[in-house]
Structure formats: C-alpha cells, structure tokens
Amino acid sequence: MEKYRAITATGIWIEMRDTRNRIAHEYLPDEQAKLYRAIVGPSATELRHVWSTIGGDSA
C-alpha cells in the first residue's frame, strides 16, 4: 500500500497492527490507557490519510 501512497510508511502500519493485537489481549487498565493514547495519536493521523487517499469522506 505504501507503493500506491495509500499509507505513509509500512512501519506505522506494523506498529498499528501490533497495538491492535496488544489491545485484544491486555486487561490492565493502565496498559489499556497507554494503548488507546497510541491509537488517537499517530494511528489516527495515518488512518485519516488512508481514508482520504482511498476516496473516503472527509472527517
């Protein structure tokens, strides 16, 4: 997807996938809070970029 400029960097997507996997298996509230902060930061920016690149509505 990076080749088609749908994503800005493969590394960000790998981090997002790893974060998603940790969320699915994390049960401690403090750790969950850290993971969700990662989602609303860089991950949210990347997801908005992808959405606009593939023709999604602007958010």
PDB file of N, CA and C in Angstrom:
ATOM      1  N   MET A   1       0.809  -1.187   0.000  1.00  0.00           N
ATOM      2  CA  MET A   1       0.000   0.000   0.000  1.00  0.00           C
ATOM      3  C   MET A   1       0.853   1.253   0.000  1.00  0.00           C
ATOM      4  N   GLU A   2       2.064   1.157   0.575  1.00  0.00           N
ATOM      5  CA  GLU A   2       2.957   2.312   0.566  1.00  0.00           C
ATOM      6  C   GLU A   2       3.328   2.677  -0.871  1.00  0.00           C
ATOM      7  N   LYS A   3       3.507   1.677  -1.716  1.00  0.00           N
ATOM      8  CA  LYS A   3       3.853   1.895  -3.115  1.00  0.00           C
ATOM      9  C   LYS A   3       2.808   2.761  -3.812  1.00  0.00           C
ATOM     10  N   TYR A   4       1.551   2.596  -3.449  1.00  0.00           N
ATOM     11  CA  TYR A   4       0.457   3.343  -4.066  1.00  0.00           C
ATOM     12  C   TYR A   4       0.098   4.599  -3.284  1.00  0.00           C
ATOM     13  N   ARG A   5       0.930   4.915  -2.286  1.00  0.00           N
ATOM     14  CA  ARG A   5       0.768   6.095  -1.440  1.00  0.00           C
ATOM     15  C   ARG A   5      -0.527   6.087  -0.630  1.00  0.00           C
ATOM     16  N   ALA A   6      -1.087   4.913  -0.427  1.00  0.00           N
ATOM     17  CA  ALA A   6      -2.272   4.800   0.418  1.00  0.00           C
ATOM     18  C   ALA A   6      -1.876   4.910   1.884  1.00  0.00           C
ATOM     19  N   ILE A   7      -0.645   4.520   2.206  1.00  0.00           N
ATOM     20  CA  ILE A   7      -0.126   4.684   3.564  1.00  0.00           C
ATOM     21  C   ILE A   7       1.169   5.473   3.469  1.00  0.00           C
ATOM     22  N   THR A   8       1.519   6.136   4.565  1.00  0.00           N
ATOM     23  CA  THR A   8       2.734   6.944   4.523  1.00  0.00           C
ATOM     24  C   THR A   8       3.994   6.135   4.805  1.00  0.00           C
ATOM     25  N   ALA A   9       3.853   5.065   5.611  1.00  0.00           N
ATOM     26  CA  ALA A   9       5.016   4.237   5.934  1.00  0.00           C
ATOM     27  C   ALA A   9       4.567   2.865   6.424  1.00  0.00           C
ATOM     28  N   THR A  10       5.226   1.843   5.929  1.00  0.00           N
ATOM     29  CA  THR A  10       4.904   0.478   6.343  1.00  0.00           C
ATOM     30  C   THR A  10       5.109   0.289   7.839  1.00  0.00           C
ATOM     31  N   GLY A  11       6.123   0.923   8.380  1.00  0.00           N
ATOM     32  CA  GLY A  11       6.420   0.797   9.804  1.00  0.00           C
ATOM     33  C   GLY A  11       5.264   1.239  10.686  1.00  0.00           C
ATOM     34  N   ILE A  12       4.583   2.295  10.280  1.00  0.00           N
ATOM     35  CA  ILE A  12       3.431   2.757  11.055  1.00  0.00           C
ATOM     36  C   ILE A  12       2.349   1.685  11.074  1.00  0.00           C
ATOM     37  N   TRP A  13       2.113   1.042   9.934  1.00  0.00           N
ATOM     38  CA  TRP A  13       1.091   0.002   9.880  1.00  0.00           C
ATOM     39  C   TRP A  13       1.475  -1.203  10.715  1.00  0.00           C
ATOM     40  N   ILE A  14       2.741  -1.536  10.761  1.00  0.00           N
ATOM     41  CA  ILE A  14       3.190  -2.644  11.609  1.00  0.00           C
ATOM     42  C   ILE A  14       2.958  -2.295  13.073  1.00  0.00           C
ATOM     43  N   GLU A  15       3.285  -1.065  13.467  1.00  0.00           N
ATOM     44  CA  GLU A  15       3.036  -0.633  14.837  1.00  0.00           C
ATOM     45  C   GLU A  15       1.544  -0.656  15.164  1.00  0.00           C
ATOM     46  N   MET A  16       0.714  -0.212  14.227  1.00  0.00           N
ATOM     47  CA  MET A  16      -0.732  -0.209  14.449  1.00  0.00           C
ATOM     48  C   MET A  16      -1.251  -1.633  14.621  1.00  0.00           C
ATOM     49  N   ARG A  17      -0.760  -2.541  13.812  1.00  0.00           N
ATOM     50  CA  ARG A  17      -1.176  -3.952  13.934  1.00  0.00           C
ATOM     51  C   ARG A  17      -0.768  -4.519  15.284  1.00  0.00           C
ATOM     52  N   ASP A  18       0.466  -4.223  15.692  1.00  0.00           N
ATOM     53  CA  ASP A  18       0.940  -4.707  16.990  1.00  0.00           C
ATOM     54  C   ASP A  18       0.122  -4.120  18.134  1.00  0.00           C
ATOM     55  N   THR A  19      -0.217  -2.836  18.030  1.00  0.00           N
ATOM     56  CA  THR A  19      -1.052  -2.201  19.053  1.00  0.00           C
ATOM     57  C   THR A  19      -2.418  -2.861  19.109  1.00  0.00           C
ATOM     58  N   ARG A  20      -2.999  -3.118  17.971  1.00  0.00           N
ATOM     59  CA  ARG A  20      -4.304  -3.790  17.911  1.00  0.00           C
ATOM     60  C   ARG A  20      -4.235  -5.160  18.572  1.00  0.00           C
ATOM     61  N   ASN A  21      -3.175  -5.890  18.301  1.00  0.00           N
ATOM     62  CA  ASN A  21      -3.025  -7.219  18.893  1.00  0.00           C
ATOM     63  C   ASN A  21      -2.848  -7.137  20.411  1.00  0.00           C
ATOM     64  N   ARG A  22      -2.116  -6.131  20.885  1.00  0.00           N
ATOM     65  CA  ARG A  22      -1.938  -5.976  22.330  1.00  0.00           C
ATOM     66  C   ARG A  22      -3.247  -5.592  23.004  1.00  0.00           C
ATOM     67  N   ILE A  23      -4.041  -4.749  22.345  1.00  0.00           N
ATOM     68  CA  ILE A  23      -5.332  -4.350  22.910  1.00  0.00           C
ATOM     69  C   ILE A  23      -6.224  -5.572  23.097  1.00  0.00           C
ATOM     70  N   ALA A  24      -6.198  -6.453  22.138  1.00  0.00           N
ATOM     71  CA  ALA A  24      -7.066  -7.634  22.200  1.00  0.00           C
ATOM     72  C   ALA A  24      -6.715  -8.556  23.361  1.00  0.00           C
ATOM     73  N   HIS A  25      -5.497  -8.421  23.901  1.00  0.00           N
ATOM     74  CA  HIS A  25      -5.053  -9.345  24.940  1.00  0.00           C
ATOM     75  C   HIS A  25      -4.619  -8.640  26.225  1.00  0.00           C
ATOM     76  N   GLU A  26      -4.900  -7.361  26.339  1.00  0.00           N
ATOM     77  CA  GLU A  26      -4.466  -6.594  27.505  1.00  0.00           C
ATOM     78  C   GLU A  26      -5.657  -6.300  28.408  1.00  0.00           C
ATOM     79  N   TYR A  27      -5.508  -6.582  29.673  1.00  0.00           N
ATOM     80  CA  TYR A  27      -6.624  -6.432  30.604  1.00  0.00           C
ATOM     81  C   TYR A  27      -6.342  -5.454  31.742  1.00  0.00           C
ATOM     82  N   LEU A  28      -5.140  -4.945  31.851  1.00  0.00           N
ATOM     83  CA  LEU A  28      -4.804  -3.996  32.905  1.00  0.00           C
ATOM     84  C   LEU A  28      -5.195  -2.581  32.461  1.00  0.00           C
ATOM     85  N   PRO A  29      -5.978  -1.872  33.249  1.00  0.00           N
ATOM     86  CA  PRO A  29      -6.470  -0.546  32.848  1.00  0.00           C
ATOM     87  C   PRO A  29      -5.365   0.441  32.471  1.00  0.00           C
ATOM     88  N   ASP A  30      -4.259   0.469  33.216  1.00  0.00           N
ATOM     89  CA  ASP A  30      -3.182   1.408  32.900  1.00  0.00           C
ATOM     90  C   ASP A  30      -2.560   1.096  31.543  1.00  0.00           C
ATOM     91  N   GLU A  31      -2.371  -0.171  31.254  1.00  0.00           N
ATOM     92  CA  GLU A  31      -1.807  -0.563  29.962  1.00  0.00           C
ATOM     93  C   GLU A  31      -2.783  -0.263  28.829  1.00  0.00           C
ATOM     94  N   GLN A  32      -4.063  -0.491  29.062  1.00  0.00           N
ATOM     95  CA  GLN A  32      -5.068  -0.168  28.050  1.00  0.00           C
ATOM     96  C   GLN A  32      -5.059   1.322  27.742  1.00  0.00           C
ATOM     97  N   ALA A  33      -4.932   2.136  28.771  1.00  0.00           N
ATOM     98  CA  ALA A  33      -4.908   3.590  28.569  1.00  0.00           C
ATOM     99  C   ALA A  33      -3.741   3.998  27.679  1.00  0.00           C
ATOM    100  N   LYS A  34      -2.573   3.408  27.890  1.00  0.00           N
ATOM    101  CA  LYS A  34      -1.404   3.699  27.047  1.00  0.00           C
ATOM    102  C   LYS A  34      -1.674   3.312  25.597  1.00  0.00           C
ATOM    103  N   LEU A  35      -2.266   2.155  25.402  1.00  0.00           N
ATOM    104  CA  LEU A  35      -2.542   1.687  24.049  1.00  0.00           C
ATOM    105  C   LEU A  35      -3.544   2.583  23.342  1.00  0.00           C
ATOM    106  N   TYR A  36      -4.573   2.999  24.032  1.00  0.00           N
ATOM    107  CA  TYR A  36      -5.577   3.863  23.403  1.00  0.00           C
ATOM    108  C   TYR A  36      -5.013   5.240  23.085  1.00  0.00           C
ATOM    109  N   ARG A  37      -4.078   5.747  23.894  1.00  0.00           N
ATOM    110  CA  ARG A  37      -3.423   7.020  23.562  1.00  0.00           C
ATOM    111  C   ARG A  37      -2.632   6.879  22.263  1.00  0.00           C
ATOM    112  N   ALA A  38      -2.035   5.721  22.042  1.00  0.00           N
ATOM    113  CA  ALA A  38      -1.299   5.487  20.790  1.00  0.00           C
ATOM    114  C   ALA A  38      -2.251   5.511  19.606  1.00  0.00           C
ATOM    115  N   ILE A  39      -3.458   5.033  19.808  1.00  0.00           N
ATOM    116  CA  ILE A  39      -4.436   4.980  18.724  1.00  0.00           C
ATOM    117  C   ILE A  39      -4.897   6.379  18.334  1.00  0.00           C
ATOM    118  N   VAL A  40      -5.179   7.231  19.308  1.00  0.00           N
ATOM    119  CA  VAL A  40      -5.695   8.554  18.983  1.00  0.00           C
ATOM    120  C   VAL A  40      -4.600   9.519  18.568  1.00  0.00           C
ATOM    121  N   GLY A  41      -3.366   9.119  18.658  1.00  0.00           N
ATOM    122  CA  GLY A  41      -2.257   9.960  18.226  1.00  0.00           C
ATOM    123  C   GLY A  41      -1.868   9.636  16.792  1.00  0.00           C
ATOM    124  N   PRO A  42      -0.686   9.079  16.608  1.00  0.00           N
ATOM    125  CA  PRO A  42      -0.170   8.802  15.270  1.00  0.00           C
ATOM    126  C   PRO A  42      -1.061   7.870  14.444  1.00  0.00           C
ATOM    127  N   SER A  43      -1.666   6.901  15.066  1.00  0.00           N
ATOM    128  CA  SER A  43      -2.500   5.967  14.314  1.00  0.00           C
ATOM    129  C   SER A  43      -3.705   6.662  13.708  1.00  0.00           C
ATOM    130  N   ALA A  44      -4.318   7.563  14.451  1.00  0.00           N
ATOM    131  CA  ALA A  44      -5.480   8.280  13.932  1.00  0.00           C
ATOM    132  C   ALA A  44      -5.096   9.134  12.728  1.00  0.00           C
ATOM    133  N   THR A  45      -3.949   9.774  12.806  1.00  0.00           N
ATOM    134  CA  THR A  45      -3.466  10.586  11.690  1.00  0.00           C
ATOM    135  C   THR A  45      -3.268   9.718  10.450  1.00  0.00           C
ATOM    136  N   GLU A  46      -2.660   8.566  10.624  1.00  0.00           N
ATOM    137  CA  GLU A  46      -2.418   7.661   9.494  1.00  0.00           C
ATOM    138  C   GLU A  46      -3.733   7.142   8.921  1.00  0.00           C
ATOM    139  N   LEU A  47      -4.657   6.783   9.782  1.00  0.00           N
ATOM    140  CA  LEU A  47      -5.944   6.276   9.294  1.00  0.00           C
ATOM    141  C   LEU A  47      -6.713   7.341   8.523  1.00  0.00           C
ATOM    142  N   ARG A  48      -6.646   8.600   8.969  1.00  0.00           N
ATOM    143  CA  ARG A  48      -7.294   9.686   8.209  1.00  0.00           C
ATOM    144  C   ARG A  48      -6.649   9.839   6.844  1.00  0.00           C
ATOM    145  N   HIS A  49      -5.326   9.709   6.784  1.00  0.00           N
ATOM    146  CA  HIS A  49      -4.624   9.795   5.496  1.00  0.00           C
ATOM    147  C   HIS A  49      -5.097   8.688   4.554  1.00  0.00           C
ATOM    148  N   VAL A  50      -5.147   7.474   5.056  1.00  0.00           N
ATOM    149  CA  VAL A  50      -5.583   6.344   4.232  1.00  0.00           C
ATOM    150  C   VAL A  50      -7.006   6.573   3.750  1.00  0.00           C
ATOM    151  N   TRP A  51      -7.876   6.978   4.649  1.00  0.00           N
ATOM    152  CA  TRP A  51      -9.281   7.187   4.298  1.00  0.00           C
ATOM    153  C   TRP A  51      -9.413   8.222   3.179  1.00  0.00           C
ATOM    154  N   SER A  52      -8.681   9.323   3.273  1.00  0.00           N
ATOM    155  CA  SER A  52      -8.765  10.345   2.237  1.00  0.00           C
ATOM    156  C   SER A  52      -8.131   9.873   0.931  1.00  0.00           C
ATOM    157  N   THR A  53      -7.080   9.054   1.024  1.00  0.00           N
ATOM    158  CA  THR A  53      -6.409   8.555  -0.177  1.00  0.00           C
ATOM    159  C   THR A  53      -7.278   7.579  -0.960  1.00  0.00           C
ATOM    160  N   ILE A  54      -8.032   6.750  -0.247  1.00  0.00           N
ATOM    161  CA  ILE A  54      -8.839   5.763  -0.952  1.00  0.00           C
ATOM    162  C   ILE A  54     -10.221   6.305  -1.338  1.00  0.00           C
ATOM    163  N   GLY A  55     -10.428   7.582  -1.077  1.00  0.00           N
ATOM    164  CA  GLY A  55     -11.673   8.201  -1.529  1.00  0.00           C
ATOM    165  C   GLY A  55     -12.774   8.241  -0.517  1.00  0.00           C
ATOM    166  N   GLY A  56     -12.431   8.091   0.750  1.00  0.00           N
ATOM    167  CA  GLY A  56     -13.448   8.170   1.791  1.00  0.00           C
ATOM    168  C   GLY A  56     -13.889   9.599   2.015  1.00  0.00           C
ATOM    169  N   ASP A  57     -14.987   9.752   2.706  1.00  0.00           N
ATOM    170  CA  ASP A  57     -15.480  11.091   3.050  1.00  0.00           C
ATOM    171  C   ASP A  57     -14.504  11.738   4.008  1.00  0.00           C
ATOM    172  N   SER A  58     -14.386  13.048   3.945  1.00  0.00           N
ATOM    173  CA  SER A  58     -13.504  13.738   4.888  1.00  0.00           C
ATOM    174  C   SER A  58     -14.147  13.750   6.263  1.00  0.00           C
ATOM    175  N   ALA A  59     -13.306  13.553   7.282  1.00  0.00           N
ATOM    176  CA  ALA A  59     -13.816  13.508   8.654  1.00  0.00           C
ATOM    177  C   ALA A  59     -13.546  14.792   9.380  1.00  0.00           C
TER     178      ALA A  59
END
